[in-house]
Amino acid sequence: MTTRLFVGGLPWSTTSDDLSSLFSQAGTVVSATVVTDRMTGRSRGFGFVEMGSEEEAQSAVKKFNNSEVGGRKIIVNEARPQADRQDRYKDGDRGNRHGFRRENRRNDRRKDY
């Protein structure tokens, strides 16, 4: 069974191929993905690597966690399952929307002296 790893702190220039070749030193890499921003296409500085077995995944964590890649210290640990989208916004509340209220606009807060 494959094990998915989270890799954080990656240099912005890291590609999925770079990540795959790095982790292949610890075992069989099933897939490697660097997460990118949808709007700009730029790396967000983290990614996921799927290793061929639990033993290879543990080996990769021991070998690469807190190691330096491209001048940056990376964090490697077992990925947690993604939370359901409904759980993130309980009761439909999406958080503070004060930016859309009229009384919070910058011009409305100015005082005329």
C-alpha atoms as a PDB file:
ATOM      1  CA  MET A   1       0.000   0.000   0.000  1.00  0.00           C
ATOM      2  CA  THR A   2       1.276   3.485  -0.804  1.00  0.00           C
ATOM      3  CA  THR A   3       1.882   6.191   1.785  1.00  0.00           C
ATOM      4  CA  ARG A   4       1.477   9.888   1.062  1.00  0.00           C
ATOM      5  CA  LEU A   5       3.961  12.362   2.541  1.00  0.00           C
ATOM      6  CA  PHE A   6       3.658  16.118   3.047  1.00  0.00           C
ATOM      7  CA  VAL A   7       6.764  18.123   2.137  1.00  0.00           C
ATOM      8  CA  GLY A   8       6.859  21.737   3.348  1.00  0.00           C
ATOM      9  CA  GLY A   9       9.361  24.570   3.064  1.00  0.00           C
ATOM     10  CA  LEU A  10      10.323  23.838  -0.536  1.00  0.00           C
ATOM     11  CA  PRO A  11      12.222  26.454  -2.541  1.00  0.00           C
ATOM     12  CA  TRP A  12       9.956  28.275  -5.029  1.00  0.00           C
ATOM     13  CA  SER A  13      11.980  26.891  -7.938  1.00  0.00           C
ATOM     14  CA  THR A  14      11.314  23.228  -7.036  1.00  0.00           C
ATOM     15  CA  THR A  15       9.340  21.277  -9.635  1.00  0.00           C
ATOM     16  CA  SER A  16       7.445  17.993  -9.313  1.00  0.00           C
ATOM     17  CA  ASP A  17      10.259  16.256 -11.234  1.00  0.00           C
ATOM     18  CA  ASP A  18      12.846  17.648  -8.779  1.00  0.00           C
ATOM     19  CA  LEU A  19      10.778  16.368  -5.872  1.00  0.00           C
ATOM     20  CA  SER A  20      10.400  12.946  -7.471  1.00  0.00           C
ATOM     21  CA  SER A  21      14.122  12.570  -8.164  1.00  0.00           C
ATOM     22  CA  LEU A  22      15.018  13.693  -4.624  1.00  0.00           C
ATOM     23  CA  PHE A  23      12.684  11.216  -2.919  1.00  0.00           C
ATOM     24  CA  SER A  24      13.644   8.360  -5.245  1.00  0.00           C
ATOM     25  CA  GLN A  25      16.823   8.170  -3.136  1.00  0.00           C
ATOM     26  CA  ALA A  26      14.659   6.727  -0.335  1.00  0.00           C
ATOM     27  CA  GLY A  27      12.635   4.279  -2.427  1.00  0.00           C
ATOM     28  CA  THR A  28       9.975   3.959  -5.103  1.00  0.00           C
ATOM     29  CA  VAL A  29       8.122   7.210  -5.814  1.00  0.00           C
ATOM     30  CA  VAL A  30       4.592   6.561  -7.096  1.00  0.00           C
ATOM     31  CA  SER A  31       3.831  10.272  -7.587  1.00  0.00           C
ATOM     32  CA  ALA A  32       5.227  13.669  -6.629  1.00  0.00           C
ATOM     33  CA  THR A  33       3.369  16.958  -6.862  1.00  0.00           C
ATOM     34  CA  VAL A  34       4.384  20.510  -6.014  1.00  0.00           C
ATOM     35  CA  VAL A  35       1.279  22.573  -5.222  1.00  0.00           C
ATOM     36  CA  THR A  36       1.014  25.755  -7.299  1.00  0.00           C
ATOM     37  CA  ASP A  37      -1.074  28.895  -7.069  1.00  0.00           C
ATOM     38  CA  ARG A  38      -4.051  28.760  -9.453  1.00  0.00           C
ATOM     39  CA  MET A  39      -3.773  32.376 -10.513  1.00  0.00           C
ATOM     40  CA  THR A  40      -0.018  32.757 -10.992  1.00  0.00           C
ATOM     41  CA  GLY A  41       1.128  29.163 -11.497  1.00  0.00           C
ATOM     42  CA  ARG A  42       3.928  29.812  -8.986  1.00  0.00           C
ATOM     43  CA  SER A  43       4.877  27.183  -6.409  1.00  0.00           C
ATOM     44  CA  ARG A  44       3.264  27.600  -3.001  1.00  0.00           C
ATOM     45  CA  GLY A  45       6.310  26.084  -1.285  1.00  0.00           C
ATOM     46  CA  PHE A  46       4.895  22.684  -0.410  1.00  0.00           C
ATOM     47  CA  GLY A  47       3.996  19.427  -2.069  1.00  0.00           C
ATOM     48  CA  PHE A  48       3.098  15.772  -1.687  1.00  0.00           C
ATOM     49  CA  VAL A  49       5.041  12.604  -2.443  1.00  0.00           C
ATOM     50  CA  GLU A  50       3.460   9.171  -2.612  1.00  0.00           C
ATOM     51  CA  MET A  51       5.915   6.404  -1.735  1.00  0.00           C
ATOM     52  CA  GLY A  52       5.550   2.757  -2.779  1.00  0.00           C
ATOM     53  CA  SER A  53       5.404   1.305   0.749  1.00  0.00           C
ATOM     54  CA  GLU A  54       5.156   2.270   4.400  1.00  0.00           C
ATOM     55  CA  GLU A  55       8.811   1.321   4.978  1.00  0.00           C
ATOM     56  CA  GLU A  56      10.007   3.534   2.112  1.00  0.00           C
ATOM     57  CA  ALA A  57       7.892   6.395   3.429  1.00  0.00           C
ATOM     58  CA  GLN A  58       9.394   6.080   6.915  1.00  0.00           C
ATOM     59  CA  SER A  59      12.857   5.956   5.370  1.00  0.00           C
ATOM     60  CA  ALA A  60      12.121   9.154   3.422  1.00  0.00           C
ATOM     61  CA  VAL A  61      10.858  10.931   6.556  1.00  0.00           C
ATOM     62  CA  LYS A  62      14.010   9.968   8.486  1.00  0.00           C
ATOM     63  CA  LYS A  63      16.294  10.926   5.603  1.00  0.00           C
ATOM     64  CA  PHE A  64      14.734  14.228   4.510  1.00  0.00           C
ATOM     65  CA  ASN A  65      12.899  15.736   7.500  1.00  0.00           C
ATOM     66  CA  ASN A  66      14.753  18.876   8.654  1.00  0.00           C
ATOM     67  CA  SER A  67      17.239  18.509   5.803  1.00  0.00           C
ATOM     68  CA  GLU A  68      18.298  21.358   3.545  1.00  0.00           C
ATOM     69  CA  VAL A  69      17.168  21.536  -0.089  1.00  0.00           C
ATOM     70  CA  GLY A  70      18.081  24.504  -2.257  1.00  0.00           C
ATOM     71  CA  GLY A  71      19.154  26.510   0.770  1.00  0.00           C
ATOM     72  CA  ARG A  72      15.884  25.923   2.663  1.00  0.00           C
ATOM     73  CA  LYS A  73      15.109  23.550   5.520  1.00  0.00           C
ATOM     74  CA  ILE A  74      12.280  21.233   4.514  1.00  0.00           C
ATOM     75  CA  ILE A  75       9.725  19.466   6.706  1.00  0.00           C
ATOM     76  CA  VAL A  76       8.620  15.940   5.783  1.00  0.00           C
ATOM     77  CA  ASN A  77       5.889  14.002   7.552  1.00  0.00           C
ATOM     78  CA  GLU A  78       2.984  11.706   6.789  1.00  0.00           C
ATOM     79  CA  ALA A  79       0.150  13.615   5.144  1.00  0.00           C
ATOM     80  CA  ARG A  80      -3.153  13.875   6.975  1.00  0.00           C
ATOM     81  CA  PRO A  81      -6.419  13.350   5.090  1.00  0.00           C
ATOM     82  CA  GLN A  82      -7.955  16.540   3.713  1.00  0.00           C
ATOM     83  CA  ALA A  83     -10.863  17.809   5.812  1.00  0.00           C
ATOM     84  CA  ASP A  84     -14.303  17.812   4.240  1.00  0.00           C
ATOM     85  CA  ARG A  85     -15.179  21.188   2.825  1.00  0.00           C
ATOM     86  CA  GLN A  86     -18.389  21.297   4.850  1.00  0.00           C
ATOM     87  CA  ASP A  87     -16.399  20.860   8.070  1.00  0.00           C
ATOM     88  CA  ARG A  88     -14.288  23.911   7.283  1.00  0.00           C
ATOM     89  CA  TYR A  89     -17.309  26.243   7.245  1.00  0.00           C
ATOM     90  CA  LYS A  90     -19.662  25.128   9.965  1.00  0.00           C
ATOM     91  CA  ASP A  91     -23.244  26.295   9.470  1.00  0.00           C
ATOM     92  CA  GLY A  92     -22.286  27.981   6.217  1.00  0.00           C
ATOM     93  CA  ASP A  93     -20.245  30.663   8.007  1.00  0.00           C
ATOM     94  CA  ARG A  94     -17.215  31.630   5.939  1.00  0.00           C
ATOM     95  CA  GLY A  95     -15.668  33.915   8.501  1.00  0.00           C
ATOM     96  CA  ASN A  96     -15.290  37.633   8.873  1.00  0.00           C
ATOM     97  CA  ARG A  97     -16.780  39.601   5.974  1.00  0.00           C
ATOM     98  CA  HIS A  98     -16.225  43.048   7.414  1.00  0.00           C
ATOM     99  CA  GLY A  99     -14.452  44.154   4.256  1.00  0.00           C
ATOM    100  CA  PHE A 100     -17.782  44.282   2.462  1.00  0.00           C
ATOM    101  CA  ARG A 101     -19.641  46.395   4.992  1.00  0.00           C
ATOM    102  CA  ARG A 102     -20.155  50.039   4.228  1.00  0.00           C
ATOM    103  CA  GLU A 103     -19.107  51.192   7.706  1.00  0.00           C
ATOM    104  CA  ASN A 104     -15.715  49.552   7.286  1.00  0.00           C
ATOM    105  CA  ARG A 105     -14.757  51.317   4.096  1.00  0.00           C
ATOM    106  CA  ARG A 106     -11.762  53.566   4.456  1.00  0.00           C
ATOM    107  CA  ASN A 107     -13.477  56.717   3.173  1.00  0.00           C
ATOM    108  CA  ASP A 108     -16.387  56.301   5.577  1.00  0.00           C
ATOM    109  CA  ARG A 109     -14.044  56.196   8.573  1.00  0.00           C
ATOM    110  CA  ARG A 110     -12.370  59.502   7.769  1.00  0.00           C
ATOM    111  CA  LYS A 111     -13.381  62.441   9.850  1.00  0.00           C
ATOM    112  CA  ASP A 112     -13.819  65.815   8.304  1.00  0.00           C
ATOM    113  CA  TYR A 113     -11.787  68.352  10.232  1.00  0.00           C
END
